[in-house]
């Protein structure tokens, strides 16, 4: 039987519950429509967003409760 997993923040060493999905894309590696995701807790939302933002990778930040993949092949958060 599968049990639902609590989403965990993607910040190194953080084990807090994630409340945010940071949607990003590296244009040097991914096609424009490809979306990767990181999860973030409240504490790490801003630092992770800044890390992706200064590189031009960040596309959007969505509350985890509101996030749904845009396409069947979209990556799973945190993967």
C-alpha atoms as a PDB file:
ATOM      1  CA  UNK A   1       0.000   0.000   0.000  1.00  0.00           C
ATOM      2  CA  UNK A   2       1.384   3.406  -0.983  1.00  0.00           C
ATOM      3  CA  UNK A   3       1.351   6.095   1.665  1.00  0.00           C
ATOM      4  CA  UNK A   4       1.455   9.770   0.755  1.00  0.00           C
ATOM      5  CA  UNK A   5       4.780  11.411   1.506  1.00  0.00           C
ATOM      6  CA  UNK A   6       5.125  14.821   3.075  1.00  0.00           C
ATOM      7  CA  UNK A   7       7.005  17.115   0.691  1.00  0.00           C
ATOM      8  CA  UNK A   8      10.444  18.035   2.070  1.00  0.00           C
ATOM      9  CA  UNK A   9      12.439  21.213   1.356  1.00  0.00           C
ATOM     10  CA  UNK A  10      15.146  20.845  -1.310  1.00  0.00           C
ATOM     11  CA  UNK A  11      17.669  23.046   0.565  1.00  0.00           C
ATOM     12  CA  UNK A  12      20.788  21.119   1.529  1.00  0.00           C
ATOM     13  CA  UNK A  13      20.395  19.567   4.961  1.00  0.00           C
ATOM     14  CA  UNK A  14      16.853  20.871   5.487  1.00  0.00           C
ATOM     15  CA  UNK A  15      14.201  18.346   6.482  1.00  0.00           C
ATOM     16  CA  UNK A  16      11.343  20.831   6.979  1.00  0.00           C
ATOM     17  CA  UNK A  17       7.993  20.420   5.274  1.00  0.00           C
ATOM     18  CA  UNK A  18       7.888  22.221   1.946  1.00  0.00           C
ATOM     19  CA  UNK A  19       5.163  24.754   1.305  1.00  0.00           C
ATOM     20  CA  UNK A  20       6.450  26.114  -2.017  1.00  0.00           C
ATOM     21  CA  UNK A  21       7.325  24.841  -5.481  1.00  0.00           C
ATOM     22  CA  UNK A  22      10.052  26.750  -7.331  1.00  0.00           C
ATOM     23  CA  UNK A  23       9.613  26.139 -11.044  1.00  0.00           C
ATOM     24  CA  UNK A  24      12.770  26.615 -13.104  1.00  0.00           C
ATOM     25  CA  UNK A  25      14.531  25.877 -16.363  1.00  0.00           C
ATOM     26  CA  UNK A  26      18.187  26.056 -17.402  1.00  0.00           C
ATOM     27  CA  UNK A  27      18.017  27.286 -21.015  1.00  0.00           C
ATOM     28  CA  UNK A  28      21.494  25.906 -21.759  1.00  0.00           C
ATOM     29  CA  UNK A  29      20.338  22.378 -20.892  1.00  0.00           C
ATOM     30  CA  UNK A  30      16.561  22.275 -21.289  1.00  0.00           C
ATOM     31  CA  UNK A  31      14.109  23.046 -24.059  1.00  0.00           C
ATOM     32  CA  UNK A  32      12.048  26.208 -23.379  1.00  0.00           C
ATOM     33  CA  UNK A  33       8.950  24.201 -22.404  1.00  0.00           C
ATOM     34  CA  UNK A  34      10.792  21.949 -19.906  1.00  0.00           C
ATOM     35  CA  UNK A  35      10.148  22.735 -16.257  1.00  0.00           C
ATOM     36  CA  UNK A  36      12.149  21.437 -13.304  1.00  0.00           C
ATOM     37  CA  UNK A  37      11.070  21.909  -9.702  1.00  0.00           C
ATOM     38  CA  UNK A  38      12.593  22.422  -6.301  1.00  0.00           C
ATOM     39  CA  UNK A  39      10.608  22.412  -3.084  1.00  0.00           C
ATOM     40  CA  UNK A  40      11.112  25.023  -0.388  1.00  0.00           C
ATOM     41  CA  UNK A  41      10.040  25.588   3.197  1.00  0.00           C
ATOM     42  CA  UNK A  42       9.176  29.131   4.298  1.00  0.00           C
ATOM     43  CA  UNK A  43      12.733  29.705   5.557  1.00  0.00           C
ATOM     44  CA  UNK A  44      14.427  28.649   2.298  1.00  0.00           C
ATOM     45  CA  UNK A  45      11.933  30.002  -0.238  1.00  0.00           C
ATOM     46  CA  UNK A  46      13.789  33.296  -0.685  1.00  0.00           C
ATOM     47  CA  UNK A  47      17.401  31.994  -0.737  1.00  0.00           C
ATOM     48  CA  UNK A  48      16.548  29.232  -3.231  1.00  0.00           C
ATOM     49  CA  UNK A  49      14.548  31.693  -5.357  1.00  0.00           C
ATOM     50  CA  UNK A  50      17.494  34.115  -5.362  1.00  0.00           C
ATOM     51  CA  UNK A  51      19.923  31.336  -6.331  1.00  0.00           C
ATOM     52  CA  UNK A  52      17.797  30.429  -9.344  1.00  0.00           C
ATOM     53  CA  UNK A  53      16.847  34.036 -10.107  1.00  0.00           C
ATOM     54  CA  UNK A  54      20.378  35.446 -10.437  1.00  0.00           C
ATOM     55  CA  UNK A  55      21.091  32.722 -12.987  1.00  0.00           C
ATOM     56  CA  UNK A  56      17.934  33.534 -14.939  1.00  0.00           C
ATOM     57  CA  UNK A  57      16.490  30.067 -14.257  1.00  0.00           C
ATOM     58  CA  UNK A  58      13.488  30.873 -12.019  1.00  0.00           C
ATOM     59  CA  UNK A  59      10.158  30.837 -13.867  1.00  0.00           C
ATOM     60  CA  UNK A  60       7.651  30.986 -11.015  1.00  0.00           C
ATOM     61  CA  UNK A  61       7.033  30.245  -7.342  1.00  0.00           C
ATOM     62  CA  UNK A  62       3.777  28.488  -6.478  1.00  0.00           C
ATOM     63  CA  UNK A  63       2.306  27.416  -3.145  1.00  0.00           C
ATOM     64  CA  UNK A  64       2.614  23.623  -2.943  1.00  0.00           C
ATOM     65  CA  UNK A  65      -1.130  23.306  -2.290  1.00  0.00           C
ATOM     66  CA  UNK A  66      -1.843  25.145  -5.560  1.00  0.00           C
ATOM     67  CA  UNK A  67       0.765  23.419  -7.753  1.00  0.00           C
ATOM     68  CA  UNK A  68      -0.223  21.000 -10.482  1.00  0.00           C
ATOM     69  CA  UNK A  69       2.032  19.823 -13.299  1.00  0.00           C
ATOM     70  CA  UNK A  70       1.227  21.608 -16.552  1.00  0.00           C
ATOM     71  CA  UNK A  71       1.838  18.518 -18.638  1.00  0.00           C
ATOM     72  CA  UNK A  72       1.927  14.752 -18.114  1.00  0.00           C
ATOM     73  CA  UNK A  73       5.739  14.658 -18.438  1.00  0.00           C
ATOM     74  CA  UNK A  74       6.454  17.474 -15.973  1.00  0.00           C
ATOM     75  CA  UNK A  75       9.005  16.649 -13.329  1.00  0.00           C
ATOM     76  CA  UNK A  76       7.960  15.678  -9.831  1.00  0.00           C
ATOM     77  CA  UNK A  77       8.799  18.346  -7.223  1.00  0.00           C
ATOM     78  CA  UNK A  78      12.198  17.867  -5.729  1.00  0.00           C
ATOM     79  CA  UNK A  79      13.390  15.541  -8.461  1.00  0.00           C
END
